[in-house]
Amino acid sequence: MVKYIQVECACSGAQAPPDLFKEAGMGLEETFTLNNGVAMPKFGLGVYKSGDDTVQAVKWALEAGYRLIDTAAYYNNEIQVGKAVRESGIPRNEIFVTTKMWNNDQRDDRQEDAFLESLNKLRLDYIDLYLIHWPVPGKFCDTWKYMEDFLASGKVHAIGVSNFLPHHLEELAASSATVPAVDQFECHPFLTREELRTYCRGHGIQAQAWSPLGRGVVLESRTIQEIAKKHKKTSAQITLRWDYQNSIITIPKSIKQNRIIENADIFDFSLSDDELETISDLDTGMTKEDPDNFNF
């Protein structure tokens, strides 16, 4: 087994902005230090299927204190994300933008073209984090070599993967000494990914959750509803706080201003160890897509 060097994650707090978003803004500037020294916000906005509402949603998020925006070539809204970032009035170096390379670009050996297309659509000088979207069999190790080149060019500040399981990460490690900075994967109380998260912790890879609310199904849990009632919070806030206290970067998606603000209001309370364990015990293995069996 190839051994990565373990890297401890560090975080830094920040004062909330003195405006109507003060409560939602608390904690939103906290970061993890990735294994190459880049600081990445712990909490952000996902824009999958945000469509024509993407620009406004991103602007609302940035206004509310969010500093991490997660998109992908497959989402078909990189243009809108870049526009919102540029028009926000916030210095570029204060906003962390993630995008991802799609599967067909790996299969068709279009890795370099795909990267340039994303960069041009975003109209940004650089991408903060660039991910391989899925571990396309027989291709992702070759694609990783391109990712290393993108990183060396300075046009990307960190590179990582998405939907990689431990055996994918082991295969990658056998062919490259460059450790992914991030692994973004489906993760929520009904799919806790304990084994994968443990692997990432042990190898200096930061875990990040997509679909942190399980497409809304998690919110119907009576267990989470009861914990939410106790803390006078919503089920979504309890679930996102579970991510936060488990050191998982989380990127809930919303196109509604009130929900964007509400989702981020998780920094004025804590879940007990018993509550964290109770939520983790909800794991059923429920998944939308299997990284070992996907056909897109």
Protein backbone atom coordinates (compact mmCIF):
# COMPACT_ATOMS: atom_id res chain seq x y z
CA MET A 1 0.00 0.00 0.00
CA VAL A 2 1.31 3.43 -0.91
CA LYS A 3 1.50 5.70 2.11
CA TYR A 4 0.68 9.39 1.92
CA ILE A 5 2.13 11.89 4.35
CA GLN A 6 -0.49 12.83 6.93
CA VAL A 7 -1.25 16.54 7.14
CA GLU A 8 -3.15 18.13 9.99
CA CYS A 9 -5.95 20.55 9.03
CA ALA A 10 -5.80 23.98 10.65
CA CYS A 11 -8.67 26.44 10.86
CA SER A 12 -8.94 30.14 11.49
CA GLY A 13 -11.91 32.11 12.78
CA ALA A 14 -13.16 35.46 11.54
CA GLN A 15 -15.48 38.20 12.66
CA ALA A 16 -18.95 38.33 11.14
CA PRO A 17 -19.82 41.26 8.85
CA PRO A 18 -21.69 44.05 10.72
CA ASP A 19 -24.89 44.01 8.64
CA LEU A 20 -28.23 42.23 8.41
CA PHE A 21 -26.41 39.00 7.56
CA LYS A 22 -24.41 39.10 10.79
CA GLU A 23 -25.86 35.96 12.32
CA ALA A 24 -25.58 33.98 9.08
CA GLY A 25 -22.09 35.30 8.47
CA MET A 26 -20.59 34.02 11.73
CA GLY A 27 -18.04 31.34 10.99
CA LEU A 28 -18.33 31.54 7.23
CA GLU A 29 -14.77 32.79 6.91
CA GLU A 30 -13.32 29.85 8.84
CA THR A 31 -11.00 27.75 6.71
CA PHE A 32 -9.18 24.44 6.55
CA THR A 33 -5.56 24.50 5.42
CA LEU A 34 -5.24 21.97 2.59
CA ASN A 35 -2.20 19.72 2.24
CA ASN A 36 -0.46 22.21 -0.08
CA GLY A 37 -0.99 25.17 2.26
CA VAL A 38 -4.04 26.66 0.50
CA ALA A 39 -6.81 27.90 2.79
CA MET A 40 -10.28 26.62 1.83
CA PRO A 41 -13.52 27.82 3.46
CA LYS A 42 -15.37 25.23 5.53
CA PHE A 43 -18.81 26.17 4.23
CA GLY A 44 -20.00 27.21 0.79
CA LEU A 45 -22.70 27.29 -1.86
CA GLY A 46 -23.30 24.53 -4.39
CA VAL A 47 -24.89 25.52 -7.70
CA TYR A 48 -25.88 22.20 -9.28
CA LYS A 49 -29.10 22.72 -11.29
CA SER A 50 -29.26 26.40 -10.28
CA GLY A 51 -29.85 27.30 -13.92
CA ASP A 52 -30.89 30.87 -14.68
CA ASP A 53 -30.90 31.66 -10.97
CA THR A 54 -27.17 31.02 -10.58
CA VAL A 55 -25.95 34.63 -10.78
CA GLN A 56 -28.41 35.91 -8.21
CA ALA A 57 -27.92 32.94 -5.89
CA VAL A 58 -24.13 33.39 -5.90
CA LYS A 59 -24.47 37.13 -5.30
CA TRP A 60 -26.80 36.53 -2.37
CA ALA A 61 -24.41 33.97 -0.93
CA LEU A 62 -21.40 36.27 -1.23
CA GLU A 63 -23.42 39.12 0.26
CA ALA A 64 -24.29 36.88 3.20
CA GLY A 65 -20.64 36.11 3.89
CA TYR A 66 -20.11 32.90 1.91
CA ARG A 67 -16.65 32.69 0.37
CA LEU A 68 -16.74 29.24 -1.27
CA ILE A 69 -18.65 28.65 -4.53
CA ASP A 70 -18.72 25.16 -6.05
CA THR A 71 -19.53 24.59 -9.73
CA ALA A 72 -18.53 22.15 -12.49
CA ALA A 73 -18.35 21.98 -16.27
CA TYR A 74 -21.28 19.54 -16.15
CA TYR A 75 -23.46 22.06 -14.30
CA ASN A 76 -23.35 24.36 -17.34
CA ASN A 77 -23.22 27.49 -15.22
CA GLU A 78 -19.53 28.38 -14.98
CA ILE A 79 -20.23 31.54 -17.00
CA GLN A 80 -22.84 32.64 -14.47
CA VAL A 81 -20.62 31.85 -11.49
CA GLY A 82 -17.75 33.87 -12.93
CA LYS A 83 -20.08 36.79 -13.68
CA ALA A 84 -21.40 36.83 -10.12
CA VAL A 85 -17.89 36.69 -8.65
CA ARG A 86 -16.67 39.54 -10.85
CA GLU A 87 -19.72 41.70 -10.15
CA SER A 88 -19.77 41.06 -6.40
CA GLY A 89 -17.28 43.82 -5.60
CA ILE A 90 -15.41 41.39 -3.33
CA PRO A 91 -11.67 41.03 -4.03
CA ARG A 92 -10.98 37.92 -6.09
CA ASN A 93 -8.50 36.57 -3.56
CA GLU A 94 -11.23 36.46 -0.92
CA ILE A 95 -13.46 34.11 -2.94
CA PHE A 96 -12.71 30.42 -3.37
CA VAL A 97 -14.02 28.95 -6.64
CA THR A 98 -14.14 25.22 -7.36
CA THR A 99 -14.94 23.61 -10.69
CA LYS A 100 -14.58 20.10 -12.09
CA MET A 101 -13.58 18.20 -15.24
CA TRP A 102 -16.38 16.12 -16.74
CA ASN A 103 -16.18 12.44 -17.63
CA ASN A 104 -16.37 12.66 -21.42
CA ASP A 105 -13.43 15.06 -21.42
CA GLN A 106 -11.39 12.31 -19.79
CA ARG A 107 -12.69 9.61 -22.16
CA ASP A 108 -12.00 11.75 -25.25
CA ASP A 109 -8.55 12.87 -24.06
CA ARG A 110 -9.71 16.50 -23.95
CA GLN A 111 -8.27 17.25 -20.54
CA GLU A 112 -6.30 20.34 -21.53
CA ASP A 113 -9.08 21.74 -23.70
CA ALA A 114 -11.63 21.12 -20.95
CA PHE A 115 -9.55 23.01 -18.42
CA LEU A 116 -9.09 25.99 -20.72
CA GLU A 117 -12.81 26.00 -21.52
CA SER A 118 -13.69 26.16 -17.82
CA LEU A 119 -11.16 28.93 -17.22
CA ASN A 120 -12.51 30.92 -20.18
CA LYS A 121 -16.13 30.47 -19.14
CA LEU A 122 -15.39 31.61 -15.61
CA ARG A 123 -13.32 34.53 -16.95
CA LEU A 124 -11.15 34.39 -13.87
CA ASP A 125 -7.37 34.55 -13.75
CA TYR A 126 -7.18 31.28 -11.85
CA ILE A 127 -9.28 28.49 -10.34
CA ASP A 128 -8.86 27.90 -6.62
CA LEU A 129 -9.64 24.18 -6.73
CA TYR A 130 -9.96 21.94 -9.79
CA LEU A 131 -11.37 18.44 -9.37
CA ILE A 132 -11.68 15.28 -11.45
CA HIS A 133 -15.46 14.89 -11.30
CA TRP A 134 -15.65 11.06 -11.39
CA PRO A 135 -13.05 8.26 -11.44
CA VAL A 136 -13.45 7.19 -15.08
CA PRO A 137 -11.92 3.68 -15.25
CA GLY A 138 -8.66 3.52 -17.16
CA LYS A 139 -8.52 7.31 -17.47
CA PHE A 140 -8.33 9.04 -14.11
CA CYS A 141 -4.63 8.33 -13.50
CA ASP A 142 -3.71 9.86 -16.86
CA THR A 143 -6.04 12.78 -16.14
CA TRP A 144 -4.27 13.33 -12.83
CA LYS A 145 -1.02 13.98 -14.71
CA TYR A 146 -2.77 16.81 -16.54
CA MET A 147 -4.06 18.11 -13.22
CA GLU A 148 -0.49 18.26 -11.94
CA ASP A 149 0.46 20.31 -15.00
CA PHE A 150 -2.45 22.70 -14.41
CA LEU A 151 -1.29 23.14 -10.83
CA ALA A 152 2.30 23.81 -11.94
CA SER A 153 1.05 26.46 -14.39
CA GLY A 154 -0.26 28.61 -11.54
CA LYS A 155 -3.72 28.74 -13.11
CA VAL A 156 -4.97 26.39 -10.37
CA HIS A 157 -4.12 26.74 -6.70
CA ALA A 158 -5.13 23.23 -5.59
CA ILE A 159 -6.19 20.01 -7.30
CA GLY A 160 -8.33 17.17 -6.06
CA VAL A 161 -10.89 14.55 -6.90
CA SER A 162 -14.60 13.92 -6.57
CA ASN A 163 -16.42 10.64 -5.93
CA PHE A 164 -13.19 8.71 -5.37
CA LEU A 165 -13.35 5.77 -2.97
CA PRO A 166 -10.30 4.45 -1.07
CA HIS A 167 -9.33 2.00 -3.81
CA HIS A 168 -9.44 4.80 -6.42
CA LEU A 169 -7.20 6.92 -4.20
CA GLU A 170 -4.82 3.99 -3.75
CA GLU A 171 -4.62 3.51 -7.51
CA LEU A 172 -3.87 7.20 -7.92
CA ALA A 173 -1.21 7.08 -5.21
CA ALA A 174 0.52 4.20 -6.98
CA SER A 175 1.09 6.36 -10.05
CA SER A 176 1.70 9.81 -8.54
CA ALA A 177 3.34 11.40 -5.53
CA THR A 178 0.91 14.35 -5.64
CA VAL A 179 -1.77 13.86 -2.99
CA PRO A 180 -5.25 15.16 -3.83
CA ALA A 181 -6.00 18.20 -1.69
CA VAL A 182 -9.72 17.38 -1.52
CA ASP A 183 -12.05 14.45 -2.14
CA GLN A 184 -15.62 15.64 -2.68
CA PHE A 185 -18.21 12.89 -2.36
CA GLU A 186 -21.85 12.30 -1.49
CA CYS A 187 -22.11 12.43 2.27
CA HIS A 188 -24.97 12.97 4.73
CA PRO A 189 -26.39 11.27 7.84
CA PHE A 190 -27.91 8.49 5.72
CA LEU A 191 -24.55 7.96 3.99
CA THR A 192 -21.81 8.85 6.45
CA ARG A 193 -18.89 7.37 4.46
CA GLU A 194 -17.00 6.55 7.63
CA GLU A 195 -14.42 4.36 5.88
CA LEU A 196 -13.72 6.95 3.20
CA ARG A 197 -13.55 9.80 5.69
CA THR A 198 -11.14 7.82 7.84
CA TYR A 199 -8.97 7.15 4.80
CA CYS A 200 -8.93 10.83 3.89
CA ARG A 201 -8.02 11.89 7.43
CA GLY A 202 -5.17 9.42 7.50
CA HIS A 203 -3.75 10.58 4.19
CA GLY A 204 -4.02 14.36 4.44
CA ILE A 205 -7.00 14.68 2.08
CA GLN A 206 -9.78 17.07 3.04
CA ALA A 207 -13.28 15.56 2.90
CA GLN A 208 -16.06 17.57 1.29
CA ALA A 209 -19.75 16.66 1.06
CA TRP A 210 -22.00 17.07 -1.94
CA SER A 211 -25.73 16.56 -1.42
CA PRO A 212 -25.23 17.18 2.33
CA LEU A 213 -29.00 17.13 2.89
CA GLY A 214 -29.54 13.92 0.96
CA ARG A 215 -31.75 15.70 -1.60
CA GLY A 216 -34.08 16.60 1.27
CA VAL A 217 -34.73 13.05 2.44
CA VAL A 218 -32.56 13.48 5.53
CA LEU A 219 -34.74 16.36 6.68
CA GLU A 220 -37.67 13.98 7.14
CA SER A 221 -35.81 12.07 9.84
CA ARG A 222 -37.69 12.23 13.15
CA THR A 223 -34.41 11.87 15.00
CA ILE A 224 -32.98 14.96 13.35
CA GLN A 225 -36.27 16.82 13.78
CA GLU A 226 -36.22 16.12 17.52
CA ILE A 227 -32.63 17.35 17.85
CA ALA A 228 -33.56 20.43 15.82
CA LYS A 229 -36.47 21.19 18.13
CA LYS A 230 -34.18 20.95 21.15
CA HIS A 231 -31.74 23.48 19.67
CA LYS A 232 -34.48 25.66 18.13
CA LYS A 233 -32.95 25.08 14.71
CA THR A 234 -34.10 23.58 11.42
CA SER A 235 -33.35 20.01 10.40
CA ALA A 236 -31.11 21.39 7.65
CA GLN A 237 -29.10 23.41 10.16
CA ILE A 238 -28.66 20.37 12.40
CA THR A 239 -27.46 18.29 9.44
CA LEU A 240 -25.03 20.95 8.24
CA ARG A 241 -23.74 21.41 11.78
CA TRP A 242 -23.09 17.65 11.84
CA ASP A 243 -20.85 18.18 8.78
CA TYR A 244 -19.10 21.12 10.40
CA GLN A 245 -18.32 19.28 13.64
CA ASN A 246 -17.08 16.26 11.67
CA SER A 247 -14.60 18.49 9.78
CA ILE A 248 -16.42 17.97 6.47
CA ILE A 249 -16.55 20.92 4.10
CA THR A 250 -20.17 21.28 3.05
CA ILE A 251 -21.83 23.04 0.10
CA PRO A 252 -25.65 23.06 0.38
CA LYS A 253 -27.41 24.30 -2.74
CA SER A 254 -30.23 26.85 -2.76
CA ILE A 255 -31.51 29.58 -5.07
CA LYS A 256 -33.62 31.25 -2.36
CA GLN A 257 -32.10 34.11 -0.41
CA ASN A 258 -33.76 33.23 2.89
CA ARG A 259 -32.63 29.62 2.63
CA ILE A 260 -29.07 30.62 1.72
CA ILE A 261 -28.92 32.74 4.87
CA GLU A 262 -30.69 30.12 6.99
CA ASN A 263 -28.38 27.30 5.90
CA ALA A 264 -25.36 29.22 7.11
CA ASP A 265 -26.80 30.01 10.54
CA ILE A 266 -25.07 27.07 12.23
CA PHE A 267 -22.27 28.73 14.18
CA ASP A 268 -24.09 29.76 17.37
CA PHE A 269 -24.67 26.29 18.81
CA SER A 270 -22.98 22.89 19.12
CA LEU A 271 -24.14 19.32 18.93
CA SER A 272 -23.14 17.10 21.83
CA ASP A 273 -21.04 13.99 21.29
CA ASP A 274 -24.14 11.89 21.91
CA GLU A 275 -26.11 13.87 19.33
CA LEU A 276 -23.33 13.52 16.78
CA GLU A 277 -23.26 9.76 17.35
CA THR A 278 -27.06 9.51 17.17
CA ILE A 279 -27.08 11.30 13.83
CA SER A 280 -24.25 9.13 12.50
CA ASP A 281 -26.20 6.03 13.51
CA LEU A 282 -28.85 6.98 10.92
CA ASP A 283 -26.53 5.69 8.18
CA THR A 284 -28.38 3.35 5.82
CA GLY A 285 -25.91 3.41 2.94
CA MET A 286 -28.43 5.36 0.84
CA THR A 287 -26.64 6.70 -2.23
CA LYS A 288 -27.65 8.42 -5.43
CA GLU A 289 -24.71 7.28 -7.52
CA ASP A 290 -22.14 4.52 -6.96
CA PRO A 291 -18.60 5.63 -7.87
CA ASP A 292 -17.89 2.06 -8.95
CA ASN A 293 -20.98 1.79 -11.17
CA PHE A 294 -21.83 4.99 -13.02
CA ASN A 295 -22.59 5.30 -16.72
CA PHE A 296 -22.52 9.02 -17.39
